PDB file of N, CA and C in Angstrom:
ATOM      1  N   MET A   1    -119.835 142.387-254.474  1.00  0.00           N
ATOM      2  CA  MET A   1    -119.526 140.987-254.743  1.00  0.00           C
ATOM      3  C   MET A   1    -119.608 140.222-253.426  1.00  0.00           C
ATOM      4  N   ILE A   2    -120.337 139.139-253.431  1.00  0.00           N
ATOM      5  CA  ILE A   2    -120.422 138.351-252.208  1.00  0.00           C
ATOM      6  C   ILE A   2    -119.174 137.487-252.073  1.00  0.00           C
ATOM      7  N   LEU A   3    -118.939 137.026-250.877  1.00  0.00           N
ATOM      8  CA  LEU A   3    -117.693 136.333-250.568  1.00  0.00           C
ATOM      9  C   LEU A   3    -117.452 135.095-251.441  1.00  0.00           C
ATOM     10  N   VAL A   4    -118.474 134.328-251.706  1.00  0.00           N
ATOM     11  CA  VAL A   4    -118.286 133.135-252.536  1.00  0.00           C
ATOM     12  C   VAL A   4    -117.824 133.526-253.940  1.00  0.00           C
ATOM     13  N   ASP A   5    -118.331 134.619-254.466  1.00  0.00           N
ATOM     14  CA  ASP A   5    -117.907 135.080-255.794  1.00  0.00           C
ATOM     15  C   ASP A   5    -116.441 135.508-255.773  1.00  0.00           C
ATOM     16  N   ALA A   6    -116.048 136.186-254.696  1.00  0.00           N
ATOM     17  CA  ALA A   6    -114.645 136.596-254.568  1.00  0.00           C
ATOM     18  C   ALA A   6    -113.741 135.374-254.480  1.00  0.00           C
ATOM     19  N   ALA A   7    -114.162 134.372-253.727  1.00  0.00           N
ATOM     20  CA  ALA A   7    -113.369 133.141-253.593  1.00  0.00           C
ATOM     21  C   ALA A   7    -113.192 132.457-254.954  1.00  0.00           C
ATOM     22  N   ILE A   8    -114.260 132.370-255.710  1.00  0.00           N
ATOM     23  CA  ILE A   8    -114.196 131.719-257.022  1.00  0.00           C
ATOM     24  C   ILE A   8    -113.327 132.522-257.985  1.00  0.00           C
ATOM     25  N   THR A   9    -113.433 133.836-257.950  1.00  0.00           N
ATOM     26  CA  THR A   9    -112.573 134.677-258.790  1.00  0.00           C
ATOM     27  C   THR A   9    -111.105 134.439-258.450  1.00  0.00           C
ATOM     28  N   LEU A  10    -110.789 134.388-257.168  1.00  0.00           N
ATOM     29  CA  LEU A  10    -109.395 134.138-256.753  1.00  0.00           C
ATOM     30  C   LEU A  10    -108.942 132.743-257.177  1.00  0.00           C
ATOM     31  N   LEU A  11    -109.787 131.735-256.994  1.00  0.00           N
ATOM     32  CA  LEU A  11    -109.441 130.375-257.428  1.00  0.00           C
ATOM     33  C   LEU A  11    -109.176 130.330-258.932  1.00  0.00           C
ATOM     34  N   ASN A  12    -110.022 131.002-259.690  1.00  0.00           N
ATOM     35  CA  ASN A  12    -109.851 131.032-261.152  1.00  0.00           C
ATOM     36  C   ASN A  12    -108.566 131.734-261.565  1.00  0.00           C
ATOM     37  N   ASN A  13    -108.026 132.546-260.664  1.00  0.00           N
ATOM     38  CA  ASN A  13    -106.758 133.225-260.920  1.00  0.00           C
ATOM     39  C   ASN A  13    -105.594 132.538-260.210  1.00  0.00           C
ATOM     40  N   ARG A  14    -105.818 131.281-259.806  1.00  0.00           N
ATOM     41  CA  ARG A  14    -104.783 130.394-259.255  1.00  0.00           C
ATOM     42  C   ARG A  14    -104.304 130.793-257.855  1.00  0.00           C
ATOM     43  N   PHE A  15    -105.188 131.363-257.033  1.00  0.00           N
ATOM     44  CA  PHE A  15    -104.872 131.639-255.635  1.00  0.00           C
ATOM     45  C   PHE A  15    -105.612 130.635-254.768  1.00  0.00           C
ATOM     46  N   SER A  16    -104.926 130.078-253.793  1.00  0.00           N
ATOM     47  CA  SER A  16    -105.546 129.140-252.868  1.00  0.00           C
ATOM     48  C   SER A  16    -106.235 129.930-251.761  1.00  0.00           C
ATOM     49  N   VAL A  17    -107.520 129.674-251.569  1.00  0.00           N
ATOM     50  CA  VAL A  17    -108.304 130.412-250.576  1.00  0.00           C
ATOM     51  C   VAL A  17    -108.965 129.460-249.591  1.00  0.00           C
ATOM     52  N   ILE A  18    -109.217 129.974-248.392  1.00  0.00           N
ATOM     53  CA  ILE A  18    -109.942 129.221-247.375  1.00  0.00           C
ATOM     54  C   ILE A  18    -110.935 130.155-246.686  1.00  0.00           C
ATOM     55  N   PRO A  19    -112.061 129.599-246.213  1.00  0.00           N
ATOM     56  CA  PRO A  19    -113.028 130.413-245.484  1.00  0.00           C
ATOM     57  C   PRO A  19    -112.596 130.570-244.025  1.00  0.00           C
ATOM     58  N   CYS A  20    -112.903 131.726-243.458  1.00  0.00           N
ATOM     59  CA  CYS A  20    -112.566 132.003-242.065  1.00  0.00           C
ATOM     60  C   CYS A  20    -113.758 132.634-241.356  1.00  0.00           C
ATOM     61  N   GLY A  21    -113.720 132.521-240.037  1.00  0.00           N
ATOM     62  CA  GLY A  21    -114.729 133.173-239.212  1.00  0.00           C
ATOM     63  C   GLY A  21    -114.253 134.557-238.814  1.00  0.00           C
ATOM     64  N   PRO A  22    -115.022 135.247-237.991  1.00  0.00           N
ATOM     65  CA  PRO A  22    -114.656 136.605-237.578  1.00  0.00           C
ATOM     66  C   PRO A  22    -113.360 136.665-236.762  1.00  0.00           C
ATOM     67  N   ASP A  23    -112.968 135.522-236.189  1.00  0.00           N
ATOM     68  CA  ASP A  23    -111.733 135.459-235.397  1.00  0.00           C
ATOM     69  C   ASP A  23    -110.500 135.172-236.252  1.00  0.00           C
ATOM     70  N   LYS A  24    -110.671 135.152-237.573  1.00  0.00           N
ATOM     71  CA  LYS A  24    -109.616 134.871-238.560  1.00  0.00           C
ATOM     72  C   LYS A  24    -109.166 133.410-238.568  1.00  0.00           C
ATOM     73  N   LYS A  25    -109.850 132.537-237.833  1.00  0.00           N
ATOM     74  CA  LYS A  25    -109.506 131.112-237.826  1.00  0.00           C
ATOM     75  C   LYS A  25    -110.232 130.414-238.965  1.00  0.00           C
ATOM     76  N   CYS A  26    -109.545 129.457-239.557  1.00  0.00           N
ATOM     77  CA  CYS A  26    -110.105 128.695-240.668  1.00  0.00           C
ATOM     78  C   CYS A  26    -111.406 128.013-240.242  1.00  0.00           C
ATOM     79  N   SER A  27    -112.405 128.075-241.102  1.00  0.00           N
ATOM     80  CA  SER A  27    -113.700 127.458-240.830  1.00  0.00           C
ATOM     81  C   SER A  27    -113.741 125.980-241.203  1.00  0.00           C
ATOM     82  N   LEU A  28    -112.676 125.477-241.771  1.00  0.00           N
ATOM     83  CA  LEU A  28    -112.594 124.067-242.173  1.00  0.00           C
ATOM     84  C   LEU A  28    -111.939 123.247-241.069  1.00  0.00           C
ATOM     85  N   ASN A  29    -112.100 121.928-241.137  1.00  0.00           N
ATOM     86  CA  ASN A  29    -111.422 121.057-240.172  1.00  0.00           C
ATOM     87  C   ASN A  29    -109.912 121.210-240.274  1.00  0.00           C
ATOM     88  N   SER A  30    -109.418 121.346-241.487  1.00  0.00           N
ATOM     89  CA  SER A  30    -107.982 121.515-241.717  1.00  0.00           C
ATOM     90  C   SER A  30    -107.766 122.306-243.001  1.00  0.00           C
ATOM     91  N   TRP A  31    -106.831 123.233-242.962  1.00  0.00           N
ATOM     92  CA  TRP A  31    -106.514 123.988-244.171  1.00  0.00           C
ATOM     93  C   TRP A  31    -105.238 123.478-244.820  1.00  0.00           C
ATOM     94  N   LYS A  32    -104.610 122.466-244.204  1.00  0.00           N
ATOM     95  CA  LYS A  32    -103.354 121.917-244.696  1.00  0.00           C
ATOM     96  C   LYS A  32    -103.413 121.466-246.172  1.00  0.00           C
ATOM     97  N   PRO A  33    -104.469 120.781-246.603  1.00  0.00           N
ATOM     98  CA  PRO A  33    -104.498 120.347-248.015  1.00  0.00           C
ATOM     99  C   PRO A  33    -104.379 121.510-249.006  1.00  0.00           C
ATOM    100  N   PHE A  34    -104.852 122.674-248.596  1.00  0.00           N
ATOM    101  CA  PHE A  34    -104.875 123.815-249.502  1.00  0.00           C
ATOM    102  C   PHE A  34    -103.551 124.581-249.517  1.00  0.00           C
ATOM    103  N   GLN A  35    -102.574 124.047-248.783  1.00  0.00           N
ATOM    104  CA  GLN A  35    -101.213 124.571-248.886  1.00  0.00           C
ATOM    105  C   GLN A  35    -100.525 124.023-250.134  1.00  0.00           C
ATOM    106  N   SER A  36    -101.101 122.956-250.700  1.00  0.00           N
ATOM    107  CA  SER A  36    -100.472 122.351-251.877  1.00  0.00           C
ATOM    108  C   SER A  36    -101.413 122.181-253.064  1.00  0.00           C
ATOM    109  N   GLU A  37    -102.699 122.377-252.862  1.00  0.00           N
ATOM    110  CA  GLU A  37    -103.647 122.256-253.978  1.00  0.00           C
ATOM    111  C   GLU A  37    -104.790 123.242-253.817  1.00  0.00           C
ATOM    112  N   LEU A  38    -105.369 123.630-254.933  1.00  0.00           N
ATOM    113  CA  LEU A  38    -106.491 124.565-254.915  1.00  0.00           C
ATOM    114  C   LEU A  38    -107.790 123.830-254.615  1.00  0.00           C
ATOM    115  N   MET A  39    -108.671 124.488-253.924  1.00  0.00           N
ATOM    116  CA  MET A  39    -110.011 123.995-253.680  1.00  0.00           C
ATOM    117  C   MET A  39    -110.762 123.999-255.018  1.00  0.00           C
ATOM    118  N   THR A  40    -111.688 123.093-255.198  1.00  0.00           N
ATOM    119  CA  THR A  40    -112.501 123.118-256.416  1.00  0.00           C
ATOM    120  C   THR A  40    -113.551 124.223-256.293  1.00  0.00           C
ATOM    121  N   VAL A  41    -114.069 124.647-257.424  1.00  0.00           N
ATOM    122  CA  VAL A  41    -115.116 125.667-257.416  1.00  0.00           C
ATOM    123  C   VAL A  41    -116.352 125.132-256.696  1.00  0.00           C
ATOM    124  N   ALA A  42    -116.683 123.873-256.905  1.00  0.00           N
ATOM    125  CA  ALA A  42    -117.843 123.267-256.225  1.00  0.00           C
ATOM    126  C   ALA A  42    -117.645 123.294-254.708  1.00  0.00           C
ATOM    127  N   ALA A  43    -116.449 122.962-254.255  1.00  0.00           N
ATOM    128  CA  ALA A  43    -116.156 122.999-252.819  1.00  0.00           C
ATOM    129  C   ALA A  43    -116.227 124.430-252.291  1.00  0.00           C
ATOM    130  N   ALA A  44    -115.748 125.387-253.079  1.00  0.00           N
ATOM    131  CA  ALA A  44    -115.776 126.793-252.663  1.00  0.00           C
ATOM    132  C   ALA A  44    -117.214 127.271-252.497  1.00  0.00           C
ATOM    133  N   ARG A  45    -118.087 126.884-253.412  1.00  0.00           N
ATOM    134  CA  ARG A  45    -119.494 127.287-253.295  1.00  0.00           C
ATOM    135  C   ARG A  45    -120.077 126.816-251.964  1.00  0.00           C
ATOM    136  N   LYS A  46    -119.703 125.615-251.556  1.00  0.00           N
ATOM    137  CA  LYS A  46    -120.198 125.050-250.305  1.00  0.00           C
ATOM    138  C   LYS A  46    -119.508 125.693-249.094  1.00  0.00           C
ATOM    139  N   CYS A  47    -118.185 125.769-249.124  1.00  0.00           N
ATOM    140  CA  CYS A  47    -117.395 126.260-247.987  1.00  0.00           C
ATOM    141  C   CYS A  47    -117.608 127.740-247.700  1.00  0.00           C
ATOM    142  N   PHE A  48    -117.808 128.527-248.726  1.00  0.00           N
ATOM    143  CA  PHE A  48    -117.921 129.972-248.544  1.00  0.00           C
ATOM    144  C   PHE A  48    -119.363 130.457-248.420  1.00  0.00           C
ATOM    145  N   ALA A  49    -120.317 129.549-248.470  1.00  0.00           N
ATOM    146  CA  ALA A  49    -121.729 129.935-248.393  1.00  0.00           C
ATOM    147  C   ALA A  49    -122.038 130.713-247.117  1.00  0.00           C
ATOM    148  N   ASN A  50    -121.434 130.324-246.004  1.00  0.00           N
ATOM    149  CA  ASN A  50    -121.702 130.990-244.729  1.00  0.00           C
ATOM    150  C   ASN A  50    -120.445 131.585-244.102  1.00  0.00           C
ATOM    151  N   ALA A  51    -119.380 131.666-244.868  1.00  0.00           N
ATOM    152  CA  ALA A  51    -118.123 132.204-244.332  1.00  0.00           C
ATOM    153  C   ALA A  51    -118.249 133.710-244.109  1.00  0.00           C
ATOM    154  N   GLU A  52    -117.495 134.207-243.144  1.00  0.00           N
ATOM    155  CA  GLU A  52    -117.518 135.641-242.858  1.00  0.00           C
ATOM    156  C   GLU A  52    -116.289 136.359-243.403  1.00  0.00           C
ATOM    157  N   ARG A  53    -115.224 135.593-243.614  1.00  0.00           N
ATOM    158  CA  ARG A  53    -113.974 136.153-244.138  1.00  0.00           C
ATOM    159  C   ARG A  53    -113.324 135.154-245.070  1.00  0.00           C
ATOM    160  N   LEU A  54    -112.334 135.635-245.767  1.00  0.00           N
ATOM    161  CA  LEU A  54    -111.602 134.826-246.729  1.00  0.00           C
ATOM    162  C   LEU A  54    -110.110 135.038-246.477  1.00  0.00           C
ATOM    163  N   ALA A  55    -109.354 133.962-246.550  1.00  0.00           N
ATOM    164  CA  ALA A  55    -107.898 134.067-246.438  1.00  0.00           C
ATOM    165  C   ALA A  55    -107.270 133.467-247.690  1.00  0.00           C
ATOM    166  N   ILE A  56    -106.185 134.074-248.135  1.00  0.00           N
ATOM    167  CA  ILE A  56    -105.418 133.550-249.264  1.00  0.00           C
ATOM    168  C   ILE A  56    -104.172 132.910-248.689  1.00  0.00           C
ATOM    169  N   ILE A  57    -103.890 131.690-249.109  1.00  0.00           N
ATOM    170  CA  ILE A  57    -102.705 130.982-248.651  1.00  0.00           C
ATOM    171  C   ILE A  57    -101.540 131.374-249.550  1.00  0.00           C
ATOM    172  N   GLY A  58    -100.486 131.842-248.949  1.00  0.00           N
ATOM    173  CA  GLY A  58     -99.304 132.245-249.713  1.00  0.00           C
ATOM    174  C   GLY A  58     -98.435 131.055-250.080  1.00  0.00           C
ATOM    175  N   GLY A  59     -97.363 131.344-250.771  1.00  0.00           N
ATOM    176  CA  GLY A  59     -96.398 130.313-251.135  1.00  0.00           C
ATOM    177  C   GLY A  59     -96.622 129.762-252.526  1.00  0.00           C
ATOM    178  N   ALA A  60     -96.013 128.612-252.779  1.00  0.00           N
ATOM    179  CA  ALA A  60     -96.007 128.007-254.113  1.00  0.00           C
ATOM    180  C   ALA A  60     -97.409 127.753-254.656  1.00  0.00           C
ATOM    181  N   VAL A  61     -98.344 127.334-253.809  1.00  0.00           N
ATOM    182  CA  VAL A  61     -99.695 127.008-254.263  1.00  0.00           C
ATOM    183  C   VAL A  61    -100.399 128.218-254.881  1.00  0.00           C
ATOM    184  N   SER A  62    -100.008 129.405-254.471  1.00  0.00           N
ATOM    185  CA  SER A  62    -100.600 130.643-254.996  1.00  0.00           C
ATOM    186  C   SER A  62     -99.599 131.440-255.820  1.00  0.00           C
ATOM    187  N   GLY A  63     -98.787 130.731-256.587  1.00  0.00           N
ATOM    188  CA  GLY A  63     -97.830 131.401-257.472  1.00  0.00           C
ATOM    189  C   GLY A  63     -96.719 132.118-256.728  1.00  0.00           C
ATOM    190  N   ASN A  64     -96.299 131.533-255.593  1.00  0.00           N
ATOM    191  CA  ASN A  64     -95.244 132.104-254.741  1.00  0.00           C
ATOM    192  C   ASN A  64     -95.648 133.445-254.131  1.00  0.00           C
ATOM    193  N   LEU A  65     -96.931 133.595-253.854  1.00  0.00           N
ATOM    194  CA  LEU A  65     -97.437 134.801-253.213  1.00  0.00           C
ATOM    195  C   LEU A  65     -96.797 134.977-251.838  1.00  0.00           C
ATOM    196  N   GLU A  66     -96.355 136.176-251.582  1.00  0.00           N
ATOM    197  CA  GLU A  66     -95.798 136.532-250.287  1.00  0.00           C
ATOM    198  C   GLU A  66     -96.529 137.782-249.820  1.00  0.00           C
ATOM    199  N   CYS A  67     -96.928 137.797-248.559  1.00  0.00           N
ATOM    200  CA  CYS A  67     -97.629 138.973-248.042  1.00  0.00           C
ATOM    201  C   CYS A  67     -97.286 139.183-246.573  1.00  0.00           C
ATOM    202  N   LEU A  68     -97.566 140.370-246.116  1.00  0.00           N
ATOM    203  CA  LEU A  68     -97.354 140.721-244.714  1.00  0.00           C
ATOM    204  C   LEU A  68     -98.714 140.934-244.074  1.00  0.00           C
ATOM    205  N   ASP A  69     -98.879 140.448-242.864  1.00  0.00           N
ATOM    206  CA  ASP A  69    -100.116 140.634-242.120  1.00  0.00           C
ATOM    207  C   ASP A  69     -99.788 141.475-240.896  1.00  0.00           C
ATOM    208  N   LEU A  70    -100.112 142.744-240.974  1.00  0.00           N
ATOM    209  CA  LEU A  70     -99.819 143.671-239.878  1.00  0.00           C
ATOM    210  C   LEU A  70    -101.130 144.039-239.200  1.00  0.00           C
ATOM    211  N   ASP A  71    -101.285 143.592-237.958  1.00  0.00           N
ATOM    212  CA  ASP A  71    -102.499 143.879-237.228  1.00  0.00           C
ATOM    213  C   ASP A  71    -102.425 145.142-236.383  1.00  0.00           C
ATOM    214  N   ASP A  72    -101.222 145.643-236.170  1.00  0.00           N
ATOM    215  CA  ASP A  72    -101.032 146.821-235.341  1.00  0.00           C
ATOM    216  C   ASP A  72    -100.576 147.990-236.209  1.00  0.00           C
ATOM    217  N   PRO A  73    -101.416 148.988-236.413  1.00  0.00           N
ATOM    218  CA  PRO A  73    -101.050 150.126-237.269  1.00  0.00           C
ATOM    219  C   PRO A  73     -99.766 150.820-236.826  1.00  0.00           C
ATOM    220  N   GLU A  74     -99.451 150.774-235.563  1.00  0.00           N
ATOM    221  CA  GLU A  74     -98.236 151.405-235.062  1.00  0.00           C
ATOM    222  C   GLU A  74     -96.974 150.713-235.574  1.00  0.00           C
ATOM    223  N   THR A  75     -97.102 149.452-235.959  1.00  0.00           N
ATOM    224  CA  THR A  75     -95.967 148.686-236.456  1.00  0.00           C
ATOM    225  C   THR A  75     -95.426 149.250-237.758  1.00  0.00           C
ATOM    226  N   TYR A  76     -96.308 149.731-238.587  1.00  0.00           N
ATOM    227  CA  TYR A  76     -95.885 150.268-239.875  1.00  0.00           C
ATOM    228  C   TYR A  76     -96.157 151.733-239.976  1.00  0.00           C
TER     229      TYR A  76
END
């Protein structure tokens, strides 16, 4: 599955997603709007066309999703 398809699947399941580069930084000018509303499928097709990674925004916008981001395997 290519990244744009994964983004659309997540959006259709009510998860807020944003495109990211290899450095994990958002590829958009601002990801703040997506903390409270979902991106449209049309916008996702455009935004994820050249994205290298995908991030899911937690909290109320994604059904109160909570997750842990552990970058150091020794931590866990």
